[in-house]
PDB file of N, CA and C in Angstrom:
ATOM      1  N   MET A   1      32.161  17.283   3.664  1.00  0.00           N
ATOM      2  CA  MET A   1      31.332  16.710   2.682  1.00  0.00           C
ATOM      3  C   MET A   1      30.551  15.570   3.361  1.00  0.00           C
ATOM      4  N   SER A   2      29.178  15.576   3.081  1.00  0.00           N
ATOM      5  CA  SER A   2      28.455  14.485   3.644  1.00  0.00           C
ATOM      6  C   SER A   2      28.412  13.249   2.837  1.00  0.00           C
ATOM      7  N   GLU A   3      28.040  12.133   3.423  1.00  0.00           N
ATOM      8  CA  GLU A   3      28.108  10.878   2.757  1.00  0.00           C
ATOM      9  C   GLU A   3      26.646  10.265   2.799  1.00  0.00           C
ATOM     10  N   LEU A   4      26.309   9.647   1.667  1.00  0.00           N
ATOM     11  CA  LEU A   4      25.030   8.957   1.619  1.00  0.00           C
ATOM     12  C   LEU A   4      25.231   7.481   1.351  1.00  0.00           C
ATOM     13  N   GLY A   5      24.734   6.682   2.259  1.00  0.00           N
ATOM     14  CA  GLY A   5      24.929   5.096   2.127  1.00  0.00           C
ATOM     15  C   GLY A   5      23.535   4.592   2.110  1.00  0.00           C
ATOM     16  N   VAL A   6      23.300   3.652   1.157  1.00  0.00           N
ATOM     17  CA  VAL A   6      22.094   2.945   1.025  1.00  0.00           C
ATOM     18  C   VAL A   6      22.480   1.453   0.960  1.00  0.00           C
ATOM     19  N   ASN A   7      21.720   0.690   1.781  1.00  0.00           N
ATOM     20  CA  ASN A   7      21.894  -0.801   1.778  1.00  0.00           C
ATOM     21  C   ASN A   7      20.970  -1.251   0.692  1.00  0.00           C
ATOM     22  N   VAL A   8      21.403  -1.324  -0.472  1.00  0.00           N
ATOM     23  CA  VAL A   8      20.570  -1.752  -1.620  1.00  0.00           C
ATOM     24  C   VAL A   8      19.898  -3.122  -1.403  1.00  0.00           C
ATOM     25  N   ALA A   9      20.758  -4.187  -1.057  1.00  0.00           N
ATOM     26  CA  ALA A   9      20.255  -5.543  -0.848  1.00  0.00           C
ATOM     27  C   ALA A   9      19.103  -5.527   0.257  1.00  0.00           C
ATOM     28  N   ALA A  10      19.355  -4.744   1.289  1.00  0.00           N
ATOM     29  CA  ALA A  10      18.281  -4.710   2.421  1.00  0.00           C
ATOM     30  C   ALA A  10      17.000  -4.131   1.882  1.00  0.00           C
ATOM     31  N   MET A  11      17.109  -2.936   1.157  1.00  0.00           N
ATOM     32  CA  MET A  11      15.942  -2.364   0.676  1.00  0.00           C
ATOM     33  C   MET A  11      15.206  -3.202  -0.306  1.00  0.00           C
ATOM     34  N   LYS A  12      15.920  -3.877  -1.280  1.00  0.00           N
ATOM     35  CA  LYS A  12      15.311  -4.708  -2.299  1.00  0.00           C
ATOM     36  C   LYS A  12      14.669  -5.934  -1.600  1.00  0.00           C
ATOM     37  N   SER A  13      15.227  -6.519  -0.571  1.00  0.00           N
ATOM     38  CA  SER A  13      14.603  -7.541   0.103  1.00  0.00           C
ATOM     39  C   SER A  13      13.415  -7.241   0.920  1.00  0.00           C
ATOM     40  N   ALA A  14      13.466  -6.023   1.423  1.00  0.00           N
ATOM     41  CA  ALA A  14      12.304  -5.498   2.278  1.00  0.00           C
ATOM     42  C   ALA A  14      11.130  -5.088   1.475  1.00  0.00           C
ATOM     43  N   ALA A  15      11.331  -4.592   0.258  1.00  0.00           N
ATOM     44  CA  ALA A  15      10.290  -4.063  -0.566  1.00  0.00           C
ATOM     45  C   ALA A  15       9.058  -5.034  -0.804  1.00  0.00           C
ATOM     46  N   PRO A  16       9.322  -6.340  -1.143  1.00  0.00           N
ATOM     47  CA  PRO A  16       8.243  -7.216  -1.318  1.00  0.00           C
ATOM     48  C   PRO A  16       7.307  -7.384  -0.037  1.00  0.00           C
ATOM     49  N   ALA A  17       7.782  -7.073   1.056  1.00  0.00           N
ATOM     50  CA  ALA A  17       6.966  -7.229   2.313  1.00  0.00           C
ATOM     51  C   ALA A  17       5.708  -6.303   2.188  1.00  0.00           C
ATOM     52  N   PHE A  18       5.943  -5.209   1.607  1.00  0.00           N
ATOM     53  CA  PHE A  18       4.813  -4.158   1.464  1.00  0.00           C
ATOM     54  C   PHE A  18       3.743  -4.764   0.542  1.00  0.00           C
ATOM     55  N   ALA A  19       4.083  -5.417  -0.461  1.00  0.00           N
ATOM     56  CA  ALA A  19       3.244  -6.159  -1.387  1.00  0.00           C
ATOM     57  C   ALA A  19       2.398  -7.220  -0.688  1.00  0.00           C
ATOM     58  N   VAL A  20       3.057  -8.024   0.214  1.00  0.00           N
ATOM     59  CA  VAL A  20       2.439  -9.013   0.995  1.00  0.00           C
ATOM     60  C   VAL A  20       1.299  -8.338   1.937  1.00  0.00           C
ATOM     61  N   VAL A  21       1.702  -7.289   2.568  1.00  0.00           N
ATOM     62  CA  VAL A  21       0.790  -6.554   3.353  1.00  0.00           C
ATOM     63  C   VAL A  21      -0.427  -6.094   2.504  1.00  0.00           C
ATOM     64  N   ALA A  22      -0.253  -5.535   1.349  1.00  0.00           N
ATOM     65  CA  ALA A  22      -1.203  -5.125   0.387  1.00  0.00           C
ATOM     66  C   ALA A  22      -2.147  -6.240   0.094  1.00  0.00           C
ATOM     67  N   ALA A  23      -1.568  -7.375  -0.279  1.00  0.00           N
ATOM     68  CA  ALA A  23      -2.418  -8.622  -0.547  1.00  0.00           C
ATOM     69  C   ALA A  23      -3.269  -8.941   0.702  1.00  0.00           C
ATOM     70  N   ASP A  24      -2.697  -9.026   1.822  1.00  0.00           N
ATOM     71  CA  ASP A  24      -3.437  -9.300   3.029  1.00  0.00           C
ATOM     72  C   ASP A  24      -4.614  -8.305   3.257  1.00  0.00           C
ATOM     73  N   LEU A  25      -4.314  -7.081   3.061  1.00  0.00           N
ATOM     74  CA  LEU A  25      -5.282  -6.021   3.071  1.00  0.00           C
ATOM     75  C   LEU A  25      -6.396  -6.210   2.182  1.00  0.00           C
ATOM     76  N   ASP A  26      -6.057  -6.674   0.955  1.00  0.00           N
ATOM     77  CA  ASP A  26      -7.022  -6.893  -0.054  1.00  0.00           C
ATOM     78  C   ASP A  26      -7.939  -7.994   0.339  1.00  0.00           C
ATOM     79  N   GLU A  27      -7.411  -8.975   0.904  1.00  0.00           N
ATOM     80  CA  GLU A  27      -8.099 -10.120   1.405  1.00  0.00           C
ATOM     81  C   GLU A  27      -9.144  -9.712   2.499  1.00  0.00           C
ATOM     82  N   ALA A  28      -8.625  -8.952   3.409  1.00  0.00           N
ATOM     83  CA  ALA A  28      -9.495  -8.484   4.551  1.00  0.00           C
ATOM     84  C   ALA A  28     -10.579  -7.595   4.078  1.00  0.00           C
ATOM     85  N   ARG A  29     -10.186  -6.673   3.033  1.00  0.00           N
ATOM     86  CA  ARG A  29     -11.236  -5.824   2.459  1.00  0.00           C
ATOM     87  C   ARG A  29     -12.329  -6.623   1.680  1.00  0.00           C
ATOM     88  N   SER A  30     -11.927  -7.589   1.018  1.00  0.00           N
ATOM     89  CA  SER A  30     -12.969  -8.475   0.339  1.00  0.00           C
ATOM     90  C   SER A  30     -13.893  -9.174   1.391  1.00  0.00           C
ATOM     91  N   ALA A  31     -13.311  -9.704   2.424  1.00  0.00           N
ATOM     92  CA  ALA A  31     -14.107 -10.319   3.483  1.00  0.00           C
ATOM     93  C   ALA A  31     -15.064  -9.258   4.136  1.00  0.00           C
ATOM     94  N   LEU A  32     -14.554  -8.060   4.472  1.00  0.00           N
ATOM     95  CA  LEU A  32     -15.408  -7.051   4.966  1.00  0.00           C
ATOM     96  C   LEU A  32     -16.375  -6.681   3.982  1.00  0.00           C
ATOM     97  N   ASP A  33     -16.066  -6.492   2.781  1.00  0.00           N
ATOM     98  CA  ASP A  33     -17.101  -6.095   1.685  1.00  0.00           C
ATOM     99  C   ASP A  33     -18.224  -7.187   1.605  1.00  0.00           C
ATOM    100  N   ALA A  34     -17.861  -8.512   1.615  1.00  0.00           N
ATOM    101  CA  ALA A  34     -18.868  -9.527   1.610  1.00  0.00           C
ATOM    102  C   ALA A  34     -19.785  -9.456   2.838  1.00  0.00           C
ATOM    103  N   VAL A  35     -19.274  -9.172   3.934  1.00  0.00           N
ATOM    104  CA  VAL A  35     -20.124  -9.072   5.208  1.00  0.00           C
ATOM    105  C   VAL A  35     -20.975  -7.915   5.132  1.00  0.00           C
ATOM    106  N   VAL A  36     -20.428  -6.837   4.691  1.00  0.00           N
ATOM    107  CA  VAL A  36     -21.291  -5.569   4.611  1.00  0.00           C
ATOM    108  C   VAL A  36     -22.403  -5.772   3.594  1.00  0.00           C
ATOM    109  N   ALA A  37     -22.056  -6.400   2.432  1.00  0.00           N
ATOM    110  CA  ALA A  37     -23.154  -6.717   1.392  1.00  0.00           C
ATOM    111  C   ALA A  37     -24.183  -7.733   1.877  1.00  0.00           C
ATOM    112  N   ALA A  38     -23.738  -8.670   2.617  1.00  0.00           N
ATOM    113  CA  ALA A  38     -24.703  -9.763   3.135  1.00  0.00           C
ATOM    114  C   ALA A  38     -25.658  -9.147   4.238  1.00  0.00           C
ATOM    115  N   GLU A  39     -25.172  -8.187   4.932  1.00  0.00           N
ATOM    116  CA  GLU A  39     -25.929  -7.476   6.004  1.00  0.00           C
ATOM    117  C   GLU A  39     -26.817  -6.380   5.582  1.00  0.00           C
ATOM    118  N   GLU A  40     -26.590  -5.922   4.318  1.00  0.00           N
ATOM    119  CA  GLU A  40     -27.147  -4.695   3.909  1.00  0.00           C
ATOM    120  C   GLU A  40     -28.764  -4.858   3.859  1.00  0.00           C
ATOM    121  N   GLY A  41     -29.278  -3.874   4.600  1.00  0.00           N
ATOM    122  CA  GLY A  41     -30.750  -3.743   4.688  1.00  0.00           C
ATOM    123  C   GLY A  41     -31.399  -4.605   5.798  1.00  0.00           C
ATOM    124  N   CYS A  42     -30.564  -5.380   6.479  1.00  0.00           N
ATOM    125  CA  CYS A  42     -31.137  -6.343   7.534  1.00  0.00           C
ATOM    126  C   CYS A  42     -31.699  -5.402   8.664  1.00  0.00           C
ATOM    127  N   TRP A  43     -31.405  -4.219   8.764  1.00  0.00           N
ATOM    128  CA  TRP A  43     -31.792  -3.411   9.947  1.00  0.00           C
ATOM    129  C   TRP A  43     -33.150  -2.724   9.588  1.00  0.00           C
ATOM    130  N   GLY A  44     -33.712  -2.986   8.509  1.00  0.00           N
ATOM    131  CA  GLY A  44     -35.060  -2.529   8.094  1.00  0.00           C
ATOM    132  C   GLY A  44     -35.184  -1.110   7.595  1.00  0.00           C
ATOM    133  N   THR A  45     -36.350  -0.791   7.315  1.00  0.00           N
ATOM    134  CA  THR A  45     -36.566   0.584   6.678  1.00  0.00           C
ATOM    135  C   THR A  45     -37.374   1.478   7.693  1.00  0.00           C
ATOM    136  N   ASP A  46     -37.603   0.994   8.866  1.00  0.00           N
ATOM    137  CA  ASP A  46     -38.420   1.885   9.749  1.00  0.00           C
ATOM    138  C   ASP A  46     -37.455   3.033  10.160  1.00  0.00           C
ATOM    139  N   GLN A  47     -38.036   3.841  11.075  1.00  0.00           N
ATOM    140  CA  GLN A  47     -37.279   5.016  11.558  1.00  0.00           C
ATOM    141  C   GLN A  47     -35.875   4.619  12.109  1.00  0.00           C
ATOM    142  N   PHE A  48     -35.839   3.576  12.932  1.00  0.00           N
ATOM    143  CA  PHE A  48     -34.629   3.203  13.592  1.00  0.00           C
ATOM    144  C   PHE A  48     -33.619   2.492  12.537  1.00  0.00           C
ATOM    145  N   GLY A  49     -34.245   1.705  11.682  1.00  0.00           N
ATOM    146  CA  GLY A  49     -33.375   1.181  10.637  1.00  0.00           C
ATOM    147  C   GLY A  49     -32.837   2.175   9.637  1.00  0.00           C
ATOM    148  N   SER A  50     -33.588   3.216   9.390  1.00  0.00           N
ATOM    149  CA  SER A  50     -33.128   4.168   8.471  1.00  0.00           C
ATOM    150  C   SER A  50     -32.130   5.073   9.145  1.00  0.00           C
ATOM    151  N   ALA A  51     -32.293   5.336  10.498  1.00  0.00           N
ATOM    152  CA  ALA A  51     -31.243   6.133  11.225  1.00  0.00           C
ATOM    153  C   ALA A  51     -29.946   5.249  11.232  1.00  0.00           C
ATOM    154  N   PHE A  52     -30.096   4.023  11.574  1.00  0.00           N
ATOM    155  CA  PHE A  52     -28.789   3.146  11.610  1.00  0.00           C
ATOM    156  C   PHE A  52     -28.133   3.149  10.235  1.00  0.00           C
ATOM    157  N   SER A  53     -28.867   2.926   9.169  1.00  0.00           N
ATOM    158  CA  SER A  53     -28.310   2.825   7.902  1.00  0.00           C
ATOM    159  C   SER A  53     -27.671   4.187   7.482  1.00  0.00           C
ATOM    160  N   GLY A  54     -28.192   5.293   7.856  1.00  0.00           N
ATOM    161  CA  GLY A  54     -27.664   6.583   7.566  1.00  0.00           C
ATOM    162  C   GLY A  54     -26.324   6.769   8.162  1.00  0.00           C
ATOM    163  N   ALA A  55     -26.096   6.164   9.331  1.00  0.00           N
ATOM    164  CA  ALA A  55     -24.746   6.184  10.020  1.00  0.00           C
ATOM    165  C   ALA A  55     -23.846   5.088   9.683  1.00  0.00           C
ATOM    166  N   TYR A  56     -24.320   4.006   9.416  1.00  0.00           N
ATOM    167  CA  TYR A  56     -23.557   2.787   9.140  1.00  0.00           C
ATOM    168  C   TYR A  56     -23.041   2.590   7.788  1.00  0.00           C
ATOM    169  N   VAL A  57     -23.902   2.783   6.730  1.00  0.00           N
ATOM    170  CA  VAL A  57     -23.480   2.596   5.391  1.00  0.00           C
ATOM    171  C   VAL A  57     -22.309   3.429   4.900  1.00  0.00           C
ATOM    172  N   PRO A  58     -22.405   4.734   5.189  1.00  0.00           N
ATOM    173  CA  PRO A  58     -21.375   5.667   4.647  1.00  0.00           C
ATOM    174  C   PRO A  58     -19.910   5.271   5.393  1.00  0.00           C
ATOM    175  N   GLY A  59     -20.036   4.810   6.692  1.00  0.00           N
ATOM    176  CA  GLY A  59     -18.752   4.538   7.376  1.00  0.00           C
ATOM    177  C   GLY A  59     -18.241   3.173   6.778  1.00  0.00           C
ATOM    178  N   ALA A  60     -19.075   2.218   6.598  1.00  0.00           N
ATOM    179  CA  ALA A  60     -18.661   1.021   6.001  1.00  0.00           C
ATOM    180  C   ALA A  60     -18.089   1.210   4.630  1.00  0.00           C
ATOM    181  N   GLU A  61     -18.688   1.915   3.851  1.00  0.00           N
ATOM    182  CA  GLU A  61     -18.198   2.229   2.485  1.00  0.00           C
ATOM    183  C   GLU A  61     -16.807   2.921   2.528  1.00  0.00           C
ATOM    184  N   SER A  62     -16.783   3.913   3.490  1.00  0.00           N
ATOM    185  CA  SER A  62     -15.450   4.617   3.737  1.00  0.00           C
ATOM    186  C   SER A  62     -14.305   3.754   4.116  1.00  0.00           C
ATOM    187  N   ALA A  63     -14.692   2.700   5.028  1.00  0.00           N
ATOM    188  CA  ALA A  63     -13.661   1.756   5.464  1.00  0.00           C
ATOM    189  C   ALA A  63     -13.183   0.916   4.386  1.00  0.00           C
ATOM    190  N   VAL A  64     -14.076   0.399   3.595  1.00  0.00           N
ATOM    191  CA  VAL A  64     -13.737  -0.476   2.393  1.00  0.00           C
ATOM    192  C   VAL A  64     -12.852   0.378   1.378  1.00  0.00           C
ATOM    193  N   GLY A  65     -13.319   1.493   1.136  1.00  0.00           N
ATOM    194  CA  GLY A  65     -12.632   2.353   0.203  1.00  0.00           C
ATOM    195  C   GLY A  65     -11.156   2.798   0.797  1.00  0.00           C
ATOM    196  N   GLY A  66     -11.137   3.057   2.029  1.00  0.00           N
ATOM    197  CA  GLY A  66      -9.849   3.287   2.582  1.00  0.00           C
ATOM    198  C   GLY A  66      -8.868   2.120   2.607  1.00  0.00           C
ATOM    199  N   MET A  67      -9.323   0.988   2.752  1.00  0.00           N
ATOM    200  CA  MET A  67      -8.515  -0.212   2.658  1.00  0.00           C
ATOM    201  C   MET A  67      -7.954  -0.381   1.290  1.00  0.00           C
ATOM    202  N   THR A  68      -8.832  -0.130   0.250  1.00  0.00           N
ATOM    203  CA  THR A  68      -8.325  -0.173  -1.095  1.00  0.00           C
ATOM    204  C   THR A  68      -7.289   0.872  -1.376  1.00  0.00           C
ATOM    205  N   LEU A  69      -7.418   2.066  -0.937  1.00  0.00           N
ATOM    206  CA  LEU A  69      -6.468   3.046  -1.168  1.00  0.00           C
ATOM    207  C   LEU A  69      -5.123   2.678  -0.503  1.00  0.00           C
ATOM    208  N   VAL A  70      -5.145   2.139   0.708  1.00  0.00           N
ATOM    209  CA  VAL A  70      -3.888   1.874   1.344  1.00  0.00           C
ATOM    210  C   VAL A  70      -3.183   0.678   0.730  1.00  0.00           C
ATOM    211  N   ALA A  71      -3.984  -0.316   0.302  1.00  0.00           N
ATOM    212  CA  ALA A  71      -3.363  -1.409  -0.466  1.00  0.00           C
ATOM    213  C   ALA A  71      -2.682  -0.930  -1.732  1.00  0.00           C
ATOM    214  N   GLY A  72      -3.288   0.067  -2.447  1.00  0.00           N
ATOM    215  CA  GLY A  72      -2.646   0.575  -3.632  1.00  0.00           C
ATOM    216  C   GLY A  72      -1.492   1.336  -3.313  1.00  0.00           C
ATOM    217  N   ALA A  73      -1.478   2.171  -2.279  1.00  0.00           N
ATOM    218  CA  ALA A  73      -0.235   2.833  -1.809  1.00  0.00           C
ATOM    219  C   ALA A  73       0.863   1.928  -1.397  1.00  0.00           C
ATOM    220  N   LEU A  74       0.611   0.751  -0.826  1.00  0.00           N
ATOM    221  CA  LEU A  74       1.632  -0.133  -0.446  1.00  0.00           C
ATOM    222  C   LEU A  74       2.230  -0.751  -1.603  1.00  0.00           C
ATOM    223  N   ARG A  75       1.345  -1.063  -2.688  1.00  0.00           N
ATOM    224  CA  ARG A  75       1.902  -1.633  -3.972  1.00  0.00           C
ATOM    225  C   ARG A  75       2.868  -0.486  -4.582  1.00  0.00           C
ATOM    226  N   GLU A  76       2.388   0.731  -4.678  1.00  0.00           N
ATOM    227  CA  GLU A  76       3.268   1.788  -5.276  1.00  0.00           C
ATOM    228  C   GLU A  76       4.578   1.856  -4.489  1.00  0.00           C
ATOM    229  N   LEU A  77       4.486   1.695  -3.194  1.00  0.00           N
ATOM    230  CA  LEU A  77       5.698   1.906  -2.294  1.00  0.00           C
ATOM    231  C   LEU A  77       6.708   0.760  -2.697  1.00  0.00           C
ATOM    232  N   THR A  78       6.164  -0.446  -2.846  1.00  0.00           N
ATOM    233  CA  THR A  78       6.920  -1.612  -3.260  1.00  0.00           C
ATOM    234  C   THR A  78       7.752  -1.245  -4.624  1.00  0.00           C
ATOM    235  N   ALA A  79       6.984  -0.881  -5.542  1.00  0.00           N
ATOM    236  CA  ALA A  79       7.653  -0.601  -6.877  1.00  0.00           C
ATOM    237  C   ALA A  79       8.592   0.602  -6.728  1.00  0.00           C
ATOM    238  N   THR A  80       8.235   1.570  -5.970  1.00  0.00           N
ATOM    239  CA  THR A  80       9.087   2.777  -5.799  1.00  0.00           C
ATOM    240  C   THR A  80      10.402   2.379  -5.102  1.00  0.00           C
ATOM    241  N   LEU A  81      10.309   1.573  -4.039  1.00  0.00           N
ATOM    242  CA  LEU A  81      11.554   1.212  -3.398  1.00  0.00           C
ATOM    243  C   LEU A  81      12.523   0.464  -4.306  1.00  0.00           C
ATOM    244  N   ILE A  82      11.935  -0.464  -5.113  1.00  0.00           N
ATOM    245  CA  ILE A  82      12.728  -1.229  -6.015  1.00  0.00           C
ATOM    246  C   ILE A  82      13.353  -0.307  -7.037  1.00  0.00           C
ATOM    247  N   GLU A  83      12.597   0.746  -7.609  1.00  0.00           N
ATOM    248  CA  GLU A  83      13.103   1.685  -8.560  1.00  0.00           C
ATOM    249  C   GLU A  83      14.212   2.523  -8.020  1.00  0.00           C
ATOM    250  N   ILE A  84      13.991   2.987  -6.733  1.00  0.00           N
ATOM    251  CA  ILE A  84      14.961   3.816  -6.120  1.00  0.00           C
ATOM    252  C   ILE A  84      16.276   3.053  -5.875  1.00  0.00           C
ATOM    253  N   THR A  85      16.227   1.764  -5.472  1.00  0.00           N
ATOM    254  CA  THR A  85      17.479   0.999  -5.292  1.00  0.00           C
ATOM    255  C   THR A  85      18.149   0.761  -6.574  1.00  0.00           C
ATOM    256  N   ASP A  86      17.385   0.452  -7.680  1.00  0.00           N
ATOM    257  CA  ASP A  86      17.931   0.230  -8.952  1.00  0.00           C
ATOM    258  C   ASP A  86      18.683   1.519  -9.401  1.00  0.00           C
ATOM    259  N   ARG A  87      18.025   2.668  -9.256  1.00  0.00           N
ATOM    260  CA  ARG A  87      18.603   3.962  -9.701  1.00  0.00           C
ATOM    261  C   ARG A  87      19.912   4.253  -8.922  1.00  0.00           C
ATOM    262  N   PHE A  88      19.776   3.995  -7.534  1.00  0.00           N
ATOM    263  CA  PHE A  88      20.967   4.336  -6.726  1.00  0.00           C
ATOM    264  C   PHE A  88      22.080   3.531  -7.078  1.00  0.00           C
ATOM    265  N   GLU A  89      21.785   2.178  -7.361  1.00  0.00           N
ATOM    266  CA  GLU A  89      22.851   1.198  -7.702  1.00  0.00           C
ATOM    267  C   GLU A  89      23.533   1.681  -9.131  1.00  0.00           C
ATOM    268  N   SER A  90      22.646   2.036 -10.061  1.00  0.00           N
ATOM    269  CA  SER A  90      23.245   2.454 -11.337  1.00  0.00           C
ATOM    270  C   SER A  90      23.994   3.742 -11.257  1.00  0.00           C
ATOM    271  N   ILE A  91      23.531   4.706 -10.459  1.00  0.00           N
ATOM    272  CA  ILE A  91      24.306   5.939 -10.271  1.00  0.00           C
ATOM    273  C   ILE A  91      25.584   5.709  -9.598  1.00  0.00           C
ATOM    274  N   ASP A  92      25.599   4.904  -8.533  1.00  0.00           N
ATOM    275  CA  ASP A  92      26.745   4.515  -7.716  1.00  0.00           C
ATOM    276  C   ASP A  92      27.836   3.844  -8.651  1.00  0.00           C
ATOM    277  N   THR A  93      27.320   2.939  -9.450  1.00  0.00           N
ATOM    278  CA  THR A  93      28.229   2.148 -10.433  1.00  0.00           C
ATOM    279  C   THR A  93      28.836   3.152 -11.473  1.00  0.00           C
ATOM    280  N   SER A  94      28.008   4.036 -11.976  1.00  0.00           N
ATOM    281  CA  SER A  94      28.436   4.959 -12.937  1.00  0.00           C
ATOM    282  C   SER A  94      29.452   5.902 -12.415  1.00  0.00           C
ATOM    283  N   LEU A  95      29.262   6.357 -11.130  1.00  0.00           N
ATOM    284  CA  LEU A  95      30.229   7.268 -10.523  1.00  0.00           C
ATOM    285  C   LEU A  95      31.501   6.559 -10.289  1.00  0.00           C
ATOM    286  N   ALA A  96      31.471   5.400  -9.812  1.00  0.00           N
ATOM    287  CA  ALA A  96      32.680   4.552  -9.546  1.00  0.00           C
ATOM    288  C   ALA A  96      33.442   4.287 -10.789  1.00  0.00           C
ATOM    289  N   ASP A  97      32.693   4.035 -11.864  1.00  0.00           N
ATOM    290  CA  ASP A  97      33.407   3.800 -13.207  1.00  0.00           C
ATOM    291  C   ASP A  97      34.058   5.067 -13.642  1.00  0.00           C
ATOM    292  N   ASP A  98      33.383   6.177 -13.469  1.00  0.00           N
ATOM    293  CA  ASP A  98      33.985   7.512 -13.868  1.00  0.00           C
ATOM    294  C   ASP A  98      35.250   7.779 -13.064  1.00  0.00           C
ATOM    295  N   MET A  99      35.189   7.551 -11.742  1.00  0.00           N
ATOM    296  CA  MET A  99      36.303   7.778 -10.895  1.00  0.00           C
ATOM    297  C   MET A  99      37.442   6.875 -11.183  1.00  0.00           C
ATOM    298  N   ALA A 100      37.176   5.656 -11.606  1.00  0.00           N
ATOM    299  CA  ALA A 100      38.174   4.690 -12.002  1.00  0.00           C
ATOM    300  C   ALA A 100      38.945   5.025 -13.292  1.00  0.00           C
ATOM    301  N   GLY A 101      38.060   5.824 -14.055  1.00  0.00           N
ATOM    302  CA  GLY A 101      38.636   6.251 -15.355  1.00  0.00           C
ATOM    303  C   GLY A 101      39.407   7.478 -15.310  1.00  0.00           C
ATOM    304  N   GLY A 102      39.638   8.123 -14.154  1.00  0.00           N
ATOM    305  CA  GLY A 102      40.412   9.226 -13.968  1.00  0.00           C
ATOM    306  C   GLY A 102      39.725  10.571 -13.956  1.00  0.00           C
ATOM    307  N   LEU A 103      38.382  10.515 -13.927  1.00  0.00           N
ATOM    308  CA  LEU A 103      37.652  11.802 -13.916  1.00  0.00           C
ATOM    309  C   LEU A 103      37.769  12.533 -12.592  1.00  0.00           C
TER     310      LEU A 103
END
């Protein structure tokens, strides 16, 4: 028979670190977004400016969007880790109670 062990306290204490990273990422995304917005169009509308814009703008938008997605995933991970530890703790307690009751 295999055994499953979970360090509930360690998981619960580690989970908020993901939310901190998400907040830091949000801050960096906001700063990047502000820089991108401030520089928008400074390259001009001539042939070279248009060529630069065609390559730069989609990449910048993708980077900002990607940062938003990663921050959201980190927040979900935080909540999921806490939920998993709560469930594990509940199931473990329930099984221990059942075993103590003679089942």
